[in-house]
């Protein structure tokens, strides 16, 4: 870029592939394309000052790359695209791809796989070093003003530079995590090219609720979270629950949030219309109703001279014990005066601590976005546009979102491998 001067426009006439977006998918796609087409054949166009910013935050900075339990059951969206990508990119393929950069994995015992260093920087540095080795050029601070195709060549323009390429791969990601630079601009560019997105909504996010238990802020507990739609249980997830001043968080809450946000965006959950939803939290899911009833009858005697807000204090966080007693309307009643009916009421309070989700439509804390470009516009096998030859779409732009546990990054890397197979 020595001959690039402010205010001038320079053409990259010999570039075969332009990757738009320098995140996880973009970096991986650049490696695959450069390996296929040769050194110096590929450039990455990135809006931000540096590539890979969002990748550094994944897995709480540890980068959960993939999962031993990989299968389509852990994904939502366009099934044809999901099946196509997973058939091409297995866990073993992921290990081979990163192994070629010297990166090895370790499992946390629950199927989640991380770089052996447990640091996301290891993955980003490996990807960037491999790009450098293959002669991939990164063009950062590139704000796209126009993308068009003329005479079988793509022209990707900013105010000062135009990149010309035979192939273009869109890997811009979604609008999830805007604090890390995401803005969903890729959808707008693709729309101008006639490639439309299905409805978008946040996924893997905390849930705001009508009920505010500010005294529970920061309290964590193991349990089960269930989504109830029109009084029917639809989805239950076990794991750690975190109470916040605005509602609920934690991995199992993130798993439920996908359906909550879908309901608020479309009035449907997995294609079925519902009138209202609520969330039921079981903070002692390892105990049956009968077992919990017997335990609380025992505690009634142990704490006989105390108010019932301590009835659960030997099993749960003190603040949670107090809140559930208050939730049941029994917090000021002495334990020795609790009737069997009262005990049953507390049992239900523990097993069905209910919350009412409220709409936020915020991507601020969302890890990914649901919805996107589907097989109406993209060939699920090649990931090439059905309308524009040699234009590919990968990663989170696609109508695919996965559960927590490395599934989204696996899809990001896996989809990124595909376009190079169809380039010459």
Protein backbone atom coordinates (compact mmCIF):
# COMPACT_ATOMS: atom_id res chain seq x y z
CA UNK A 1 0.00 0.00 0.00
CA UNK A 2 3.03 2.33 -0.36
CA UNK A 3 1.43 4.01 -3.38
CA UNK A 4 -1.83 4.75 -1.55
CA UNK A 5 -2.22 8.49 -0.98
CA UNK A 6 -4.92 10.38 0.83
CA UNK A 7 -7.75 11.32 -1.49
CA UNK A 8 -6.79 8.94 -4.29
CA UNK A 9 -8.37 5.67 -5.35
CA UNK A 10 -6.23 2.61 -5.86
CA UNK A 11 -7.36 -0.63 -7.54
CA UNK A 12 -6.21 -4.05 -6.40
CA UNK A 13 -6.35 -5.50 -9.90
CA UNK A 14 -4.67 -8.80 -9.06
CA UNK A 15 -6.76 -9.67 -6.01
CA UNK A 16 -8.91 -12.72 -6.55
CA UNK A 17 -10.85 -12.68 -3.28
CA UNK A 18 -12.04 -9.93 -0.95
CA UNK A 19 -13.24 -10.99 2.48
CA UNK A 20 -15.57 -8.36 3.96
CA UNK A 21 -15.22 -8.61 7.73
CA UNK A 22 -12.22 -9.58 9.84
CA UNK A 23 -13.84 -11.55 12.64
CA UNK A 24 -13.70 -15.29 13.28
CA UNK A 25 -15.32 -16.23 9.95
CA UNK A 26 -13.44 -13.61 7.98
CA UNK A 27 -10.01 -14.66 9.19
CA UNK A 28 -10.74 -18.34 8.66
CA UNK A 29 -12.19 -17.69 5.20
CA UNK A 30 -9.11 -15.69 4.24
CA UNK A 31 -6.87 -18.60 5.23
CA UNK A 32 -8.91 -21.12 3.26
CA UNK A 33 -9.10 -18.90 0.18
CA UNK A 34 -5.41 -18.05 0.24
CA UNK A 35 -4.47 -21.71 0.57
CA UNK A 36 -6.66 -22.49 -2.45
CA UNK A 37 -5.78 -19.55 -4.69
CA UNK A 38 -2.20 -18.83 -3.67
CA UNK A 39 -0.18 -16.34 -1.68
CA UNK A 40 -1.24 -12.74 -2.14
CA UNK A 41 -4.60 -13.66 -3.65
CA UNK A 42 -6.78 -12.53 -0.74
CA UNK A 43 -7.47 -9.36 1.23
CA UNK A 44 -9.53 -8.81 4.36
CA UNK A 45 -11.57 -5.61 4.49
CA UNK A 46 -12.31 -4.60 8.07
CA UNK A 47 -14.33 -1.62 9.32
CA UNK A 48 -12.55 -1.46 12.67
CA UNK A 49 -8.92 -0.53 13.39
CA UNK A 50 -8.01 -4.19 14.02
CA UNK A 51 -9.33 -7.62 13.11
CA UNK A 52 -10.70 -10.15 15.59
CA UNK A 53 -11.90 -7.85 18.35
CA UNK A 54 -15.08 -9.79 19.15
CA UNK A 55 -13.24 -13.10 19.06
CA UNK A 56 -11.16 -12.03 22.05
CA UNK A 57 -14.29 -11.79 24.20
CA UNK A 58 -15.70 -15.24 23.40
CA UNK A 59 -15.92 -17.81 26.18
CA UNK A 60 -15.18 -15.10 28.76
CA UNK A 61 -11.83 -14.54 27.11
CA UNK A 62 -11.07 -18.27 26.85
CA UNK A 63 -12.54 -18.87 23.36
CA UNK A 64 -14.79 -21.93 23.41
CA UNK A 65 -13.88 -23.10 19.89
CA UNK A 66 -16.08 -26.17 19.51
CA UNK A 67 -17.86 -28.95 21.40
CA UNK A 68 -17.31 -32.71 21.51
CA UNK A 69 -21.08 -33.19 21.34
CA UNK A 70 -21.38 -31.46 17.97
CA UNK A 71 -24.67 -32.11 16.17
CA UNK A 72 -27.46 -30.23 14.41
CA UNK A 73 -29.63 -30.62 17.52
CA UNK A 74 -27.77 -27.71 19.06
CA UNK A 75 -28.68 -25.25 16.30
CA UNK A 76 -31.70 -23.23 15.16
CA UNK A 77 -32.49 -21.61 11.84
CA UNK A 78 -32.10 -22.88 8.30
CA UNK A 79 -31.72 -26.65 8.64
CA UNK A 80 -30.34 -27.14 5.13
CA UNK A 81 -27.46 -24.73 5.81
CA UNK A 82 -26.81 -26.22 9.26
CA UNK A 83 -26.64 -29.77 7.92
CA UNK A 84 -24.45 -28.74 5.00
CA UNK A 85 -21.86 -26.95 7.11
CA UNK A 86 -21.70 -29.62 9.82
CA UNK A 87 -21.29 -32.36 7.21
CA UNK A 88 -18.25 -30.50 5.86
CA UNK A 89 -16.70 -29.39 9.14
CA UNK A 90 -16.56 -31.82 12.07
CA UNK A 91 -14.82 -31.48 15.43
CA UNK A 92 -11.95 -33.47 13.95
CA UNK A 93 -11.77 -31.02 11.02
CA UNK A 94 -11.64 -28.17 13.51
CA UNK A 95 -8.76 -29.81 15.35
CA UNK A 96 -6.90 -30.33 12.07
CA UNK A 97 -7.47 -26.75 10.95
CA UNK A 98 -6.17 -25.22 14.17
CA UNK A 99 -3.55 -27.93 14.59
CA UNK A 100 -1.99 -26.62 11.39
CA UNK A 101 -1.34 -23.39 13.30
CA UNK A 102 0.07 -25.26 16.30
CA UNK A 103 -3.08 -24.73 18.35
CA UNK A 104 -4.21 -27.73 20.39
CA UNK A 105 -7.45 -28.18 22.32
CA UNK A 106 -8.50 -29.25 25.78
CA UNK A 107 -11.98 -30.18 27.02
CA UNK A 108 -13.58 -28.89 30.21
CA UNK A 109 -15.14 -32.29 30.90
CA UNK A 110 -18.60 -31.20 29.73
CA UNK A 111 -17.82 -31.23 26.03
CA UNK A 112 -16.72 -27.63 25.64
CA UNK A 113 -13.35 -27.37 23.93
CA UNK A 114 -10.89 -24.52 24.40
CA UNK A 115 -7.37 -23.75 23.24
CA UNK A 116 -4.92 -25.48 25.58
CA UNK A 117 -3.78 -22.07 26.81
CA UNK A 118 -7.37 -21.19 27.84
CA UNK A 119 -6.82 -17.82 26.18
CA UNK A 120 -8.68 -16.36 23.21
CA UNK A 121 -5.54 -14.45 22.27
CA UNK A 122 -3.95 -17.78 21.30
CA UNK A 123 -6.66 -18.36 18.69
CA UNK A 124 -6.63 -14.83 17.31
CA UNK A 125 -2.84 -14.68 17.16
CA UNK A 126 -2.78 -18.07 15.42
CA UNK A 127 -5.30 -16.95 12.79
CA UNK A 128 -3.54 -13.65 12.16
CA UNK A 129 -0.09 -15.25 11.95
CA UNK A 130 -1.42 -17.82 9.48
CA UNK A 131 -2.92 -15.02 7.40
CA UNK A 132 0.42 -13.26 7.45
CA UNK A 133 2.25 -16.44 6.44
CA UNK A 134 -0.12 -16.88 3.50
CA UNK A 135 0.24 -13.29 2.37
CA UNK A 136 -3.27 -12.21 3.28
CA UNK A 137 -3.44 -8.43 3.49
CA UNK A 138 -5.59 -6.75 6.13
CA UNK A 139 -7.12 -3.41 5.15
CA UNK A 140 -8.55 -1.93 8.34
CA UNK A 141 -10.53 1.26 8.98
CA UNK A 142 -12.27 0.57 5.66
CA UNK A 143 -15.77 2.07 5.71
CA UNK A 144 -17.65 0.64 2.75
CA UNK A 145 -19.62 3.15 0.71
CA UNK A 146 -20.62 0.83 -2.13
CA UNK A 147 -20.44 -2.75 -3.35
CA UNK A 148 -21.32 -3.56 -6.93
CA UNK A 149 -20.48 -6.04 -9.64
CA UNK A 150 -19.41 -4.90 -13.10
CA UNK A 151 -18.12 -7.08 -15.91
CA UNK A 152 -17.87 -10.05 -13.53
CA UNK A 153 -15.71 -8.10 -11.11
CA UNK A 154 -16.74 -6.92 -7.65
CA UNK A 155 -15.96 -3.33 -6.74
CA UNK A 156 -15.84 -2.69 -2.98
CA UNK A 157 -15.40 1.02 -2.37
CA UNK A 158 -14.66 3.39 0.47
CA UNK A 159 -14.10 7.15 0.16
CA UNK A 160 -10.41 6.62 -0.58
CA UNK A 161 -10.01 3.12 -1.92
CA UNK A 162 -11.66 0.61 -4.26
CA UNK A 163 -10.87 -3.08 -4.03
CA UNK A 164 -11.51 -5.14 -7.17
CA UNK A 165 -11.98 -8.89 -6.83
CA UNK A 166 -13.31 -11.87 -8.73
CA UNK A 167 -14.81 -13.32 -5.54
CA UNK A 168 -16.29 -11.68 -2.47
CA UNK A 169 -17.07 -13.34 0.86
CA UNK A 170 -19.37 -11.51 3.27
CA UNK A 171 -18.31 -12.27 6.84
CA UNK A 172 -19.37 -9.09 8.62
CA UNK A 173 -21.25 -10.76 11.48
CA UNK A 174 -24.45 -9.50 13.07
CA UNK A 175 -25.33 -6.59 15.34
CA UNK A 176 -24.86 -8.65 18.53
CA UNK A 177 -22.35 -7.14 21.00
CA UNK A 178 -22.22 -3.58 19.62
CA UNK A 179 -19.78 -2.57 22.36
CA UNK A 180 -17.27 -4.81 20.57
CA UNK A 181 -17.90 -3.04 17.26
CA UNK A 182 -20.73 -5.12 15.78
CA UNK A 183 -23.36 -3.11 13.91
CA UNK A 184 -25.05 -5.47 11.43
CA UNK A 185 -24.06 -3.32 8.46
CA UNK A 186 -23.56 -6.39 6.28
CA UNK A 187 -27.30 -6.99 6.14
CA UNK A 188 -27.85 -3.53 4.68
CA UNK A 189 -25.19 -3.99 2.01
CA UNK A 190 -26.58 -7.39 1.05
CA UNK A 191 -30.11 -5.99 0.92
CA UNK A 192 -29.01 -3.42 -1.65
CA UNK A 193 -27.71 -6.33 -3.70
CA UNK A 194 -31.11 -8.04 -3.50
CA UNK A 195 -30.16 -10.54 -0.77
CA UNK A 196 -32.64 -10.15 2.08
CA UNK A 197 -32.51 -11.35 5.66
CA UNK A 198 -35.20 -13.18 7.58
CA UNK A 199 -36.37 -11.34 10.76
CA UNK A 200 -33.53 -10.74 13.21
CA UNK A 201 -33.60 -10.85 17.00
CA UNK A 202 -31.05 -11.23 19.85
CA UNK A 203 -30.07 -14.69 21.06
CA UNK A 204 -27.97 -15.90 23.98
CA UNK A 205 -28.69 -12.86 26.12
CA UNK A 206 -29.82 -12.02 29.66
CA UNK A 207 -33.57 -11.63 30.13
CA UNK A 208 -35.22 -8.54 31.57
CA UNK A 209 -38.28 -9.27 33.69
CA UNK A 210 -41.22 -7.36 35.10
CA UNK A 211 -40.31 -8.54 38.59
CA UNK A 212 -37.31 -6.71 40.06
CA UNK A 213 -35.58 -8.37 43.02
CA UNK A 214 -32.73 -5.93 43.48
CA UNK A 215 -31.69 -7.61 46.72
CA UNK A 216 -30.82 -10.71 44.64
CA UNK A 217 -28.38 -8.84 42.41
CA UNK A 218 -25.27 -10.98 42.00
CA UNK A 219 -26.72 -14.09 43.64
CA UNK A 220 -25.88 -17.28 41.76
CA UNK A 221 -27.37 -20.73 42.20
CA UNK A 222 -27.68 -24.03 40.36
CA UNK A 223 -31.15 -24.86 39.11
CA UNK A 224 -33.48 -25.28 36.17
CA UNK A 225 -35.05 -22.57 34.05
CA UNK A 226 -38.21 -23.33 32.05
CA UNK A 227 -40.02 -21.33 29.40
CA UNK A 228 -43.79 -21.56 29.76
CA UNK A 229 -45.97 -20.46 26.81
CA UNK A 230 -49.74 -20.33 27.26
CA UNK A 231 -49.30 -22.49 30.38
CA UNK A 232 -47.39 -25.17 28.45
CA UNK A 233 -43.71 -25.92 29.21
CA UNK A 234 -41.70 -25.56 25.99
CA UNK A 235 -38.05 -25.63 26.97
CA UNK A 236 -36.12 -26.40 30.16
CA UNK A 237 -32.39 -25.94 30.74
CA UNK A 238 -30.34 -26.84 33.81
CA UNK A 239 -27.29 -24.90 34.94
CA UNK A 240 -26.14 -21.85 36.83
CA UNK A 241 -28.65 -19.05 37.25
CA UNK A 242 -27.57 -15.52 38.02
CA UNK A 243 -30.06 -13.04 39.44
CA UNK A 244 -29.64 -9.42 38.39
CA UNK A 245 -31.28 -6.11 39.28
CA UNK A 246 -33.12 -6.23 35.92
CA UNK A 247 -33.99 -9.93 35.75
CA UNK A 248 -32.11 -13.15 35.01
CA UNK A 249 -28.80 -14.20 33.51
CA UNK A 250 -26.53 -17.24 33.35
CA UNK A 251 -25.95 -19.87 30.66
CA UNK A 252 -29.28 -21.66 31.09
CA UNK A 253 -31.09 -18.31 30.90
CA UNK A 254 -29.16 -17.51 27.71
CA UNK A 255 -30.47 -20.74 26.18
CA UNK A 256 -34.05 -19.73 26.98
CA UNK A 257 -33.59 -16.14 25.75
CA UNK A 258 -33.55 -17.20 22.12
CA UNK A 259 -37.21 -18.22 22.36
CA UNK A 260 -38.20 -15.25 24.49
CA UNK A 261 -36.79 -12.82 21.94
CA UNK A 262 -38.35 -14.77 19.09
CA UNK A 263 -41.74 -14.45 20.80
CA UNK A 264 -41.39 -10.68 21.19
CA UNK A 265 -40.13 -10.28 17.61
CA UNK A 266 -42.57 -12.61 15.81
CA UNK A 267 -45.26 -13.59 18.30
CA UNK A 268 -44.17 -17.16 17.64
CA UNK A 269 -41.80 -19.74 19.07
CA UNK A 270 -40.39 -22.27 16.59
CA UNK A 271 -43.21 -21.43 14.17
CA UNK A 272 -46.11 -21.72 16.64
CA UNK A 273 -48.07 -18.65 17.77
CA UNK A 274 -48.54 -18.00 21.49
CA UNK A 275 -50.39 -15.38 23.52
CA UNK A 276 -48.16 -15.00 26.58
CA UNK A 277 -45.01 -16.40 28.08
CA UNK A 278 -43.39 -16.65 31.49
CA UNK A 279 -40.27 -18.13 33.02
CA UNK A 280 -40.32 -20.63 35.85
CA UNK A 281 -37.19 -21.10 37.94
CA UNK A 282 -36.58 -24.20 40.04
CA UNK A 283 -33.76 -23.43 42.47
CA UNK A 284 -33.70 -26.95 43.95
CA UNK A 285 -34.31 -29.09 40.86
CA UNK A 286 -32.41 -32.05 42.29
CA UNK A 287 -35.21 -32.51 44.83
CA UNK A 288 -38.67 -33.78 43.92
CA UNK A 289 -41.73 -32.04 45.34
CA UNK A 290 -42.17 -34.79 47.95
CA UNK A 291 -38.51 -34.77 48.94
CA UNK A 292 -38.52 -31.01 49.31
CA UNK A 293 -41.74 -31.12 51.33
CA UNK A 294 -40.20 -33.61 53.77
CA UNK A 295 -37.03 -31.52 54.03
CA UNK A 296 -38.96 -28.33 54.80
CA UNK A 297 -41.09 -30.10 57.41
CA UNK A 298 -37.82 -31.04 59.10
CA UNK A 299 -36.56 -27.45 58.84
CA UNK A 300 -39.83 -26.20 60.35
CA UNK A 301 -38.79 -27.93 63.58
CA UNK A 302 -35.13 -26.93 63.36
CA UNK A 303 -35.95 -23.24 62.91
CA UNK A 304 -39.17 -23.27 64.96
CA UNK A 305 -38.44 -20.07 66.88
CA UNK A 306 -37.38 -18.08 63.81
CA UNK A 307 -39.34 -16.38 61.05
CA UNK A 308 -39.90 -18.46 57.97
CA UNK A 309 -37.56 -16.35 55.86
CA UNK A 310 -34.76 -18.57 57.28
CA UNK A 311 -36.54 -21.84 56.48
CA UNK A 312 -34.42 -22.39 53.36
CA UNK A 313 -31.25 -20.73 54.64
CA UNK A 314 -29.48 -24.05 55.23
CA UNK A 315 -29.96 -25.01 51.58
CA UNK A 316 -29.98 -21.75 49.64
CA UNK A 317 -28.28 -18.38 49.62
CA UNK A 318 -29.67 -16.33 52.53
CA UNK A 319 -31.00 -13.59 50.25
CA UNK A 320 -32.69 -16.15 48.03
CA UNK A 321 -34.25 -17.87 51.04
CA UNK A 322 -35.67 -14.56 52.26
CA UNK A 323 -36.96 -13.60 48.80
CA UNK A 324 -38.78 -16.89 48.22
CA UNK A 325 -40.46 -16.65 51.65
CA UNK A 326 -41.57 -13.13 50.76
CA UNK A 327 -42.65 -14.32 47.28
CA UNK A 328 -44.92 -16.84 49.03
CA UNK A 329 -46.22 -14.17 51.44
CA UNK A 330 -44.92 -16.02 54.47
CA UNK A 331 -41.72 -14.19 55.36
CA UNK A 332 -43.00 -12.75 58.66
CA UNK A 333 -44.69 -15.92 59.91
CA UNK A 334 -42.80 -17.93 62.58
CA UNK A 335 -41.73 -21.36 61.41
CA UNK A 336 -43.58 -23.17 64.21
CA UNK A 337 -46.83 -21.64 62.94
CA UNK A 338 -46.35 -22.79 59.36
CA UNK A 339 -49.12 -25.19 58.37
CA UNK A 340 -48.68 -28.12 56.03
CA UNK A 341 -50.43 -25.97 53.43
CA UNK A 342 -47.86 -23.22 54.02
CA UNK A 343 -45.03 -25.71 53.56
CA UNK A 344 -46.55 -26.84 50.26
CA UNK A 345 -46.80 -23.20 49.17
CA UNK A 346 -43.09 -22.70 49.85
CA UNK A 347 -42.30 -25.92 47.98
CA UNK A 348 -44.06 -24.47 44.94
CA UNK A 349 -42.24 -21.18 45.46
CA UNK A 350 -38.92 -23.02 45.30
CA UNK A 351 -39.87 -25.21 42.35
CA UNK A 352 -41.85 -22.58 40.43
CA UNK A 353 -40.33 -19.17 41.15
CA UNK A 354 -41.99 -17.31 38.29
CA UNK A 355 -40.88 -14.30 36.25
CA UNK A 356 -42.54 -12.33 33.47
CA UNK A 357 -40.15 -11.47 30.59
CA UNK A 358 -40.37 -7.98 29.14
CA UNK A 359 -39.27 -6.89 25.70
CA UNK A 360 -35.94 -5.10 25.34
CA UNK A 361 -34.84 -5.86 21.73
CA UNK A 362 -31.33 -5.01 22.88
CA UNK A 363 -28.29 -6.56 21.27
CA UNK A 364 -26.03 -4.92 23.85
CA UNK A 365 -25.55 -8.06 25.92
CA UNK A 366 -26.43 -10.65 23.26
CA UNK A 367 -23.72 -13.03 22.16
CA UNK A 368 -25.28 -13.75 18.77
CA UNK A 369 -28.21 -12.84 16.57
CA UNK A 370 -30.93 -15.21 15.37
CA UNK A 371 -32.33 -14.96 11.85
CA UNK A 372 -30.31 -13.92 8.82
CA UNK A 373 -29.66 -14.90 5.22
CA UNK A 374 -31.30 -18.25 4.46
CA UNK A 375 -31.44 -20.76 1.62
CA UNK A 376 -34.00 -18.68 -0.25
CA UNK A 377 -31.03 -16.53 -1.25
CA UNK A 378 -28.00 -18.74 -0.59
CA UNK A 379 -27.15 -22.19 -1.92
CA UNK A 380 -26.84 -24.24 1.30
CA UNK A 381 -24.07 -26.39 -0.17
CA UNK A 382 -21.80 -23.70 -1.63
CA UNK A 383 -23.01 -20.72 0.45
CA UNK A 384 -22.99 -18.77 -2.82
CA UNK A 385 -25.73 -16.32 -3.67
CA UNK A 386 -28.47 -17.72 -5.87
CA UNK A 387 -28.61 -14.36 -7.66
CA UNK A 388 -25.01 -13.16 -7.85
CA UNK A 389 -22.32 -15.56 -8.96
CA UNK A 390 -19.12 -15.65 -6.85
CA UNK A 391 -20.71 -13.82 -3.90
CA UNK A 392 -20.61 -15.92 -0.72
CA UNK A 393 -22.09 -15.40 2.75
CA UNK A 394 -20.67 -17.05 5.88
CA UNK A 395 -20.80 -16.96 9.65
CA UNK A 396 -23.34 -15.14 11.75
CA UNK A 397 -24.86 -13.38 8.74
CA UNK A 398 -26.53 -16.67 7.92
CA UNK A 399 -29.85 -17.78 9.39
CA UNK A 400 -28.17 -20.08 11.91
CA UNK A 401 -27.64 -19.67 15.65
CA UNK A 402 -26.42 -22.22 18.14
CA UNK A 403 -26.63 -22.92 21.82
CA UNK A 404 -23.91 -21.94 24.30
CA UNK A 405 -20.90 -24.22 24.38
CA UNK A 406 -18.78 -23.52 21.30
CA UNK A 407 -21.48 -24.23 18.72
CA UNK A 408 -21.58 -20.72 17.27
CA UNK A 409 -17.83 -20.45 16.82
CA UNK A 410 -17.72 -23.93 15.31
CA UNK A 411 -20.30 -22.86 12.73
CA UNK A 412 -18.44 -19.59 12.11
CA UNK A 413 -15.21 -21.41 11.30
CA UNK A 414 -16.93 -24.27 9.49
CA UNK A 415 -18.96 -22.07 7.15
CA UNK A 416 -15.84 -20.02 6.43
CA UNK A 417 -14.10 -23.10 4.99
CA UNK A 418 -16.72 -23.68 2.29
CA UNK A 419 -16.42 -20.81 -0.27
CA UNK A 420 -12.79 -21.61 -1.12
CA UNK A 421 -13.87 -25.05 -2.38
CA UNK A 422 -15.82 -23.36 -5.16
CA UNK A 423 -13.15 -20.92 -6.28
CA UNK A 424 -10.70 -21.43 -9.13
